[in-house]
């Protein structure tokens, strides 16, 4: 069987999985819209027809546009993403939260024969609270901070002492992204004058041509030891062959399950980049930790870039001293002080730093957002990570409080 013949069944399986996922999500959303519609209909002009129209307008139509653009290779511009896709994400976010609130309020009012009125009041209060949260989240998404982090390692080679790495992650750049905000990010990185720049995945929004927008914002970034980038799950979704060609045309080193040796002040170390779990279990983008480390010279210090922090245990098991990840966005709702974010209930490795057997992991909260401009509890981040020799492996935040 040829390589093309092997890939055909895999492609069909992938399409089937996507179709099943879309149907399942649409079914859940339809149930939520039905619950909200039934509760709200008596208070809406036109009643149930208005509720059904809102479901069509904010779910079926934009979802159909999204699927058609992907299936036909149509590149959606800023207006489509702002006026079609973004209302889609907002509406689904709202309805997923409002439906259980309305249902629980209706159940609470049922014994007193006031289920409808109580449910509508609860929906109104919840909707107002969500609107305020959305506004606060939008303002929060415009905040940008530089976090100064120090990683200490007992066996850090002398030539690695003081190495400064700027990490940006989860930029999700597209035509709808604020060019002013991206300029602020690029300016913050330049101002820090790092030795090395690491871009840990999800460079673009959802389409290969988004690389042009990324290049306009970050193509001129440079550092003495280089700029290194790895794919994230959104690079998988965005049409990898075309996207890879566009990224490789930029002045950066793209690492996919491979390493490069970097020389610094009489010594050298390895920068390793992995694939992403969204790439499946085989193929170019599937994570291959053994393959990524295969070219590393014996005894070399390793700086690993792995978009999904779920890959870190395998890297730690191979004594990789430092891994930089992203992916989780800290749920875009997270609190550093409490060590909790919206992703914490679902992911063991969701935020902050972790240490295992002398190996350190840092999970970046993201330098932008995906879906809706929303971030609460923490700012978008440029991480400045300095390596020092120390008594134990740990990461310390030395940013001004």
Protein backbone atom coordinates (compact mmCIF):
# COMPACT_ATOMS: atom_id res chain seq x y z
CA UNK A 1 0.00 0.00 0.00
CA UNK A 2 1.41 3.41 -0.96
CA UNK A 3 1.74 6.38 1.38
CA UNK A 4 -1.18 8.13 -0.33
CA UNK A 5 -3.35 5.03 0.02
CA UNK A 6 -2.46 4.83 3.70
CA UNK A 7 -3.40 8.46 4.28
CA UNK A 8 -6.81 8.15 2.60
CA UNK A 9 -8.41 5.96 5.32
CA UNK A 10 -6.84 8.21 7.96
CA UNK A 11 -8.33 11.29 6.26
CA UNK A 12 -11.75 9.64 6.10
CA UNK A 13 -11.53 8.69 9.76
CA UNK A 14 -10.58 12.26 10.66
CA UNK A 15 -13.51 13.65 8.65
CA UNK A 16 -15.90 11.22 10.35
CA UNK A 17 -14.58 12.22 13.78
CA UNK A 18 -15.06 15.89 12.95
CA UNK A 19 -18.59 15.21 11.66
CA UNK A 20 -19.51 13.28 14.81
CA UNK A 21 -18.09 16.05 16.98
CA UNK A 22 -20.00 18.77 15.09
CA UNK A 23 -23.27 16.82 15.36
CA UNK A 24 -22.75 16.22 19.09
CA UNK A 25 -21.95 19.88 19.79
CA UNK A 26 -24.91 21.03 17.69
CA UNK A 27 -27.21 18.65 19.58
CA UNK A 28 -26.06 20.00 22.96
CA UNK A 29 -26.45 23.59 21.79
CA UNK A 30 -29.91 22.85 20.37
CA UNK A 31 -31.03 21.48 23.74
CA UNK A 32 -29.67 24.59 25.49
CA UNK A 33 -31.34 26.93 23.00
CA UNK A 34 -34.61 25.03 23.44
CA UNK A 35 -34.48 25.38 27.22
CA UNK A 36 -33.69 29.11 27.05
CA UNK A 37 -36.24 29.65 24.26
CA UNK A 38 -39.07 27.92 26.11
CA UNK A 39 -38.40 29.98 29.23
CA UNK A 40 -37.93 33.31 27.45
CA UNK A 41 -40.63 32.94 24.76
CA UNK A 42 -43.53 34.43 26.78
CA UNK A 43 -41.51 37.63 27.30
CA UNK A 44 -40.34 37.94 23.67
CA UNK A 45 -42.25 39.72 20.88
CA UNK A 46 -43.28 36.88 18.60
CA UNK A 47 -42.78 34.31 21.34
CA UNK A 48 -41.30 31.00 20.28
CA UNK A 49 -40.74 32.15 16.67
CA UNK A 50 -38.42 34.88 17.87
CA UNK A 51 -36.50 32.41 20.05
CA UNK A 52 -36.17 30.00 17.10
CA UNK A 53 -35.02 32.84 14.85
CA UNK A 54 -32.30 33.79 17.32
CA UNK A 55 -31.10 30.18 17.36
CA UNK A 56 -30.89 30.16 13.56
CA UNK A 57 -29.25 33.60 13.38
CA UNK A 58 -26.63 33.06 16.06
CA UNK A 59 -25.94 29.34 15.69
CA UNK A 60 -26.94 27.70 12.42
CA UNK A 61 -26.05 30.55 10.05
CA UNK A 62 -22.57 31.40 11.46
CA UNK A 63 -21.74 27.73 12.01
CA UNK A 64 -22.72 27.02 8.41
CA UNK A 65 -20.53 29.89 7.17
CA UNK A 66 -17.62 28.59 9.27
CA UNK A 67 -17.92 25.06 7.90
CA UNK A 68 -18.37 26.20 4.29
CA UNK A 69 -15.33 28.47 4.39
CA UNK A 70 -13.19 25.61 5.66
CA UNK A 71 -14.59 23.02 3.27
CA UNK A 72 -14.17 25.24 0.20
CA UNK A 73 -10.90 26.84 1.17
CA UNK A 74 -12.41 30.33 1.38
CA UNK A 75 -10.35 32.74 3.45
CA UNK A 76 -12.66 34.75 5.77
CA UNK A 77 -11.59 38.35 6.30
CA UNK A 78 -11.83 40.55 9.35
CA UNK A 79 -15.49 41.49 8.88
CA UNK A 80 -16.63 37.86 8.63
CA UNK A 81 -14.69 36.91 11.73
CA UNK A 82 -15.91 39.92 13.69
CA UNK A 83 -19.55 40.00 12.55
CA UNK A 84 -20.21 36.29 11.93
CA UNK A 85 -17.77 34.09 13.83
CA UNK A 86 -17.44 36.16 17.00
CA UNK A 87 -21.22 36.43 17.62
CA UNK A 88 -21.29 32.64 17.16
CA UNK A 89 -18.81 32.13 20.01
CA UNK A 90 -20.47 34.72 22.25
CA UNK A 91 -23.95 33.29 21.71
CA UNK A 92 -22.93 29.70 22.42
CA UNK A 93 -20.98 30.74 25.53
CA UNK A 94 -24.02 32.59 26.84
CA UNK A 95 -26.58 29.89 26.05
CA UNK A 96 -24.46 27.11 27.58
CA UNK A 97 -24.43 29.02 30.87
CA UNK A 98 -27.98 30.37 30.76
CA UNK A 99 -29.69 27.05 30.04
CA UNK A 100 -28.76 25.31 33.33
CA UNK A 101 -29.51 28.52 35.29
CA UNK A 102 -32.98 28.71 33.75
CA UNK A 103 -33.64 25.00 34.19
CA UNK A 104 -32.64 24.99 37.87
CA UNK A 105 -34.69 28.13 38.57
CA UNK A 106 -37.73 26.56 36.88
CA UNK A 107 -37.36 23.42 39.00
CA UNK A 108 -37.09 25.58 42.12
CA UNK A 109 -40.29 27.47 41.26
CA UNK A 110 -42.25 24.40 40.17
CA UNK A 111 -43.59 23.42 43.63
CA UNK A 112 -44.96 26.96 44.03
CA UNK A 113 -46.52 27.11 40.53
CA UNK A 114 -44.22 30.00 39.55
CA UNK A 115 -41.68 28.07 37.49
CA UNK A 116 -41.91 30.29 34.39
CA UNK A 117 -41.68 33.60 36.22
CA UNK A 118 -38.81 32.50 38.47
CA UNK A 119 -36.91 31.05 35.50
CA UNK A 120 -37.34 34.24 33.44
CA UNK A 121 -36.17 36.39 36.35
CA UNK A 122 -33.15 34.14 36.85
CA UNK A 123 -32.34 34.33 33.13
CA UNK A 124 -32.55 38.13 33.19
CA UNK A 125 -30.22 38.38 36.18
CA UNK A 126 -27.79 35.83 34.74
CA UNK A 127 -27.78 37.53 31.33
CA UNK A 128 -27.02 40.90 32.92
CA UNK A 129 -24.19 39.35 34.94
CA UNK A 130 -22.79 37.70 31.80
CA UNK A 131 -22.89 40.98 29.90
CA UNK A 132 -20.93 42.68 32.68
CA UNK A 133 -18.46 39.79 32.77
CA UNK A 134 -18.08 39.96 28.98
CA UNK A 135 -17.28 43.66 29.19
CA UNK A 136 -14.77 43.12 31.99
CA UNK A 137 -13.27 40.21 30.07
CA UNK A 138 -12.93 42.34 26.94
CA UNK A 139 -11.09 45.04 28.87
CA UNK A 140 -8.94 42.34 30.49
CA UNK A 141 -7.99 40.93 27.10
CA UNK A 142 -6.34 44.27 26.22
CA UNK A 143 -3.99 44.09 29.21
CA UNK A 144 -0.41 42.98 28.52
CA UNK A 145 2.24 42.25 31.11
CA UNK A 146 5.88 41.17 31.10
CA UNK A 147 6.46 38.51 33.77
CA UNK A 148 10.07 38.11 34.88
CA UNK A 149 10.65 34.51 35.86
CA UNK A 150 13.82 32.81 37.10
CA UNK A 151 14.38 29.09 36.63
CA UNK A 152 17.06 27.62 38.90
CA UNK A 153 18.63 24.26 38.14
CA UNK A 154 21.37 22.50 40.19
CA UNK A 155 23.22 21.16 37.15
CA UNK A 156 22.96 24.20 34.89
CA UNK A 157 26.12 24.42 32.73
CA UNK A 158 28.25 27.50 33.24
CA UNK A 159 27.63 28.73 29.68
CA UNK A 160 23.87 28.70 30.32
CA UNK A 161 24.05 31.00 33.36
CA UNK A 162 21.95 34.10 32.79
CA UNK A 163 20.41 32.90 29.49
CA UNK A 164 17.30 35.05 28.88
CA UNK A 165 14.43 33.49 26.94
CA UNK A 166 11.38 35.47 25.83
CA UNK A 167 8.36 33.21 25.51
CA UNK A 168 5.21 34.20 23.67
CA UNK A 169 2.43 31.72 23.07
CA UNK A 170 -1.09 31.25 21.75
CA UNK A 171 -1.12 34.41 19.66
CA UNK A 172 -3.99 33.23 17.44
CA UNK A 173 -3.22 35.94 14.90
CA UNK A 174 -5.80 36.65 12.20
CA UNK A 175 -7.10 39.63 10.22
CA UNK A 176 -9.45 40.45 13.10
CA UNK A 177 -6.63 40.74 15.64
CA UNK A 178 -5.78 44.26 16.80
CA UNK A 179 -2.61 45.36 15.02
CA UNK A 180 -1.98 47.85 17.81
CA UNK A 181 -2.03 45.08 20.40
CA UNK A 182 0.31 42.89 18.33
CA UNK A 183 2.68 45.85 17.97
CA UNK A 184 2.67 46.21 21.76
CA UNK A 185 3.62 42.54 22.11
CA UNK A 186 6.45 42.82 19.57
CA UNK A 187 7.66 46.02 21.22
CA UNK A 188 7.69 44.41 24.66
CA UNK A 189 9.80 41.50 23.37
CA UNK A 190 12.29 43.84 21.67
CA UNK A 191 12.58 46.02 24.77
CA UNK A 192 13.62 43.02 26.88
CA UNK A 193 16.45 42.14 24.45
CA UNK A 194 16.33 38.36 25.07
CA UNK A 195 19.05 35.95 24.01
CA UNK A 196 16.47 33.63 22.47
CA UNK A 197 12.79 33.89 21.51
CA UNK A 198 10.44 30.90 21.86
CA UNK A 199 6.99 30.88 20.24
CA UNK A 200 5.21 27.90 21.75
CA UNK A 201 2.40 27.16 19.32
CA UNK A 202 -0.94 28.46 18.08
CA UNK A 203 0.70 31.25 16.14
CA UNK A 204 -2.38 31.71 13.93
CA UNK A 205 -6.14 31.74 14.33
CA UNK A 206 -7.52 29.00 12.07
CA UNK A 207 -6.31 29.48 8.49
CA UNK A 208 -2.94 29.08 6.76
CA UNK A 209 -3.11 32.57 5.25
CA UNK A 210 -3.19 33.98 8.79
CA UNK A 211 0.59 33.51 8.69
CA UNK A 212 0.76 36.69 6.57
CA UNK A 213 -0.74 38.63 9.51
CA UNK A 214 1.66 36.92 11.90
CA UNK A 215 4.60 37.84 9.66
CA UNK A 216 3.52 41.48 9.51
CA UNK A 217 3.51 41.68 13.31
CA UNK A 218 6.39 39.41 14.31
CA UNK A 219 8.41 38.65 11.19
CA UNK A 220 11.05 41.22 12.13
CA UNK A 221 11.65 39.83 15.63
CA UNK A 222 15.17 38.57 16.15
CA UNK A 223 17.47 37.49 18.95
CA UNK A 224 21.20 36.65 19.11
CA UNK A 225 20.57 32.92 19.47
CA UNK A 226 17.54 32.81 17.21
CA UNK A 227 13.75 32.68 17.10
CA UNK A 228 12.22 29.20 17.48
CA UNK A 229 8.61 28.19 16.89
CA UNK A 230 6.61 24.99 17.23
CA UNK A 231 3.14 24.02 16.00
CA UNK A 232 0.11 23.94 18.27
CA UNK A 233 -3.28 22.39 17.73
CA UNK A 234 -4.44 25.36 15.65
CA UNK A 235 -1.60 24.81 13.22
CA UNK A 236 -2.98 21.29 12.81
CA UNK A 237 -6.47 22.66 12.11
CA UNK A 238 -5.26 25.38 9.74
CA UNK A 239 -4.00 23.20 6.89
CA UNK A 240 -0.49 22.16 7.85
CA UNK A 241 1.26 21.69 4.47
CA UNK A 242 0.47 25.22 3.29
CA UNK A 243 0.96 26.70 6.73
CA UNK A 244 4.34 24.99 7.17
CA UNK A 245 5.58 26.39 3.86
CA UNK A 246 4.52 29.89 4.90
CA UNK A 247 6.18 29.60 8.32
CA UNK A 248 9.41 28.22 6.87
CA UNK A 249 9.66 31.31 4.66
CA UNK A 250 9.92 33.49 7.81
CA UNK A 251 13.16 34.27 9.67
CA UNK A 252 12.56 31.66 12.37
CA UNK A 253 13.47 28.05 13.04
CA UNK A 254 10.44 25.76 12.92
CA UNK A 255 10.87 22.69 15.12
CA UNK A 256 8.60 19.69 14.68
CA UNK A 257 9.86 16.60 16.51
CA UNK A 258 13.45 17.64 16.04
CA UNK A 259 16.25 19.56 17.72
CA UNK A 260 18.90 22.10 16.83
CA UNK A 261 22.17 22.81 18.60
CA UNK A 262 22.71 26.39 19.75
CA UNK A 263 26.17 27.71 20.64
CA UNK A 264 26.72 30.22 23.44
CA UNK A 265 29.91 31.50 25.05
CA UNK A 266 32.06 28.43 24.54
CA UNK A 267 29.33 25.87 25.15
CA UNK A 268 26.24 24.58 23.43
CA UNK A 269 22.75 23.37 24.24
CA UNK A 270 19.83 21.84 22.37
CA UNK A 271 16.48 23.44 21.60
CA UNK A 272 13.90 20.71 21.02
CA UNK A 273 10.42 21.14 19.55
CA UNK A 274 7.63 18.56 19.60
CA UNK A 275 4.57 17.86 17.51
CA UNK A 276 1.11 18.25 19.02
CA UNK A 277 -1.42 15.66 20.25
CA UNK A 278 -4.01 17.19 17.89
CA UNK A 279 -1.87 15.75 15.09
CA UNK A 280 -2.96 12.24 16.03
CA UNK A 281 -0.75 9.26 16.76
CA UNK A 282 1.13 9.09 13.46
CA UNK A 283 2.32 11.46 10.81
CA UNK A 284 4.49 14.56 10.79
CA UNK A 285 2.58 16.53 13.42
CA UNK A 286 2.00 13.70 15.89
CA UNK A 287 4.20 14.13 18.98
CA UNK A 288 7.31 11.93 18.89
CA UNK A 289 9.36 12.60 22.02
CA UNK A 290 11.95 9.95 21.21
CA UNK A 291 12.39 11.27 17.69
CA UNK A 292 12.59 14.87 18.90
CA UNK A 293 15.41 13.99 21.30
CA UNK A 294 17.20 11.56 18.98
CA UNK A 295 19.55 14.17 17.56
CA UNK A 296 20.56 15.69 20.91
CA UNK A 297 24.25 15.09 21.70
CA UNK A 298 24.90 13.14 24.90
CA UNK A 299 25.19 15.38 27.94
CA UNK A 300 23.65 18.44 26.25
CA UNK A 301 21.39 20.76 28.18
CA UNK A 302 17.89 20.64 26.63
CA UNK A 303 15.36 23.44 26.36
CA UNK A 304 12.14 21.79 25.17
CA UNK A 305 9.21 23.55 23.53
CA UNK A 306 5.95 21.58 23.72
CA UNK A 307 2.68 23.39 23.05
CA UNK A 308 0.53 20.99 25.05
CA UNK A 309 1.74 20.55 28.66
CA UNK A 310 0.41 16.99 28.59
CA UNK A 311 3.67 16.13 26.79
CA UNK A 312 5.81 17.24 29.73
CA UNK A 313 5.74 14.00 31.82
CA UNK A 314 7.34 12.14 28.91
CA UNK A 315 9.99 14.86 28.62
CA UNK A 316 10.59 14.89 32.38
CA UNK A 317 11.02 11.11 32.32
CA UNK A 318 13.89 11.68 29.88
CA UNK A 319 15.50 14.20 32.24
CA UNK A 320 14.76 17.27 30.12
CA UNK A 321 15.53 20.09 32.58
CA UNK A 322 13.22 22.81 31.20
CA UNK A 323 10.03 22.66 29.13
CA UNK A 324 8.00 25.66 27.96
CA UNK A 325 4.35 25.07 27.09
CA UNK A 326 1.13 26.97 26.47
CA UNK A 327 -2.21 25.74 25.08
CA UNK A 328 -4.44 26.09 28.15
CA UNK A 329 -4.74 29.93 28.12
CA UNK A 330 -5.29 29.39 31.88
CA UNK A 331 -8.91 29.07 30.79
CA UNK A 332 -8.84 32.83 30.02
CA UNK A 333 -10.26 33.01 33.54
CA UNK A 334 -7.65 32.25 36.18
CA UNK A 335 -6.12 33.48 39.39
CA UNK A 336 -2.38 33.05 39.91
CA UNK A 337 -2.60 33.68 43.66
CA UNK A 338 -5.07 30.84 44.17
CA UNK A 339 -3.47 28.50 41.64
CA UNK A 340 -6.84 27.96 39.93
CA UNK A 341 -8.15 28.64 36.46
CA UNK A 342 -11.14 27.60 34.37
CA UNK A 343 -9.04 24.81 32.85
CA UNK A 344 -8.09 23.35 36.25
CA UNK A 345 -11.12 21.06 36.66
CA UNK A 346 -10.36 19.44 33.32
CA UNK A 347 -6.55 19.36 33.13
CA UNK A 348 -3.98 18.12 35.62
CA UNK A 349 -1.41 20.51 34.13
CA UNK A 350 -3.41 23.70 33.62
CA UNK A 351 -1.35 26.69 34.73
CA UNK A 352 1.85 27.96 36.33
CA UNK A 353 5.02 26.00 37.01
CA UNK A 354 5.55 22.36 37.92
CA UNK A 355 8.60 20.35 38.98
CA UNK A 356 9.14 16.62 38.67
CA UNK A 357 12.43 14.76 39.22
CA UNK A 358 14.46 17.91 38.66
CA UNK A 359 12.56 18.85 35.50
CA UNK A 360 10.75 22.22 35.36
CA UNK A 361 7.64 23.03 33.32
CA UNK A 362 6.20 26.48 32.71
CA UNK A 363 2.68 26.75 31.28
CA UNK A 364 2.28 30.13 29.61
CA UNK A 365 -1.18 31.78 29.95
CA UNK A 366 -1.14 33.02 26.36
CA UNK A 367 -0.22 36.30 24.70
CA UNK A 368 -3.63 36.73 23.09
CA UNK A 369 -7.01 35.00 23.21
CA UNK A 370 -9.02 32.62 21.05
CA UNK A 371 -12.72 32.83 20.16
CA UNK A 372 -13.90 35.83 22.13
CA UNK A 373 -11.79 38.68 23.54
CA UNK A 374 -12.07 37.62 27.16
CA UNK A 375 -9.53 37.38 29.95
CA UNK A 376 -10.15 37.78 33.69
CA UNK A 377 -7.85 37.35 36.67
CA UNK A 378 -4.59 37.52 34.72
CA UNK A 379 -3.20 39.46 31.79
CA UNK A 380 -1.93 38.41 28.40
CA UNK A 381 1.74 37.73 28.86
CA UNK A 382 5.25 38.04 27.53
CA UNK A 383 7.33 35.75 29.76
CA UNK A 384 10.99 36.63 30.32
CA UNK A 385 12.65 33.49 31.66
CA UNK A 386 16.22 33.71 33.00
CA UNK A 387 18.22 30.58 33.79
CA UNK A 388 20.34 30.44 36.94
CA UNK A 389 22.25 27.78 38.78
CA UNK A 390 20.60 27.04 42.12
CA UNK A 391 20.28 24.50 44.90
CA UNK A 392 17.05 23.03 43.58
CA UNK A 393 14.98 22.94 40.43
CA UNK A 394 12.24 25.55 40.63
CA UNK A 395 10.67 28.56 38.96
CA UNK A 396 10.39 31.84 40.83
CA UNK A 397 8.36 34.85 39.77
CA UNK A 398 10.41 37.98 40.34
CA UNK A 399 7.97 40.40 38.71
CA UNK A 400 7.07 43.48 40.73
CA UNK A 401 3.81 42.87 42.56
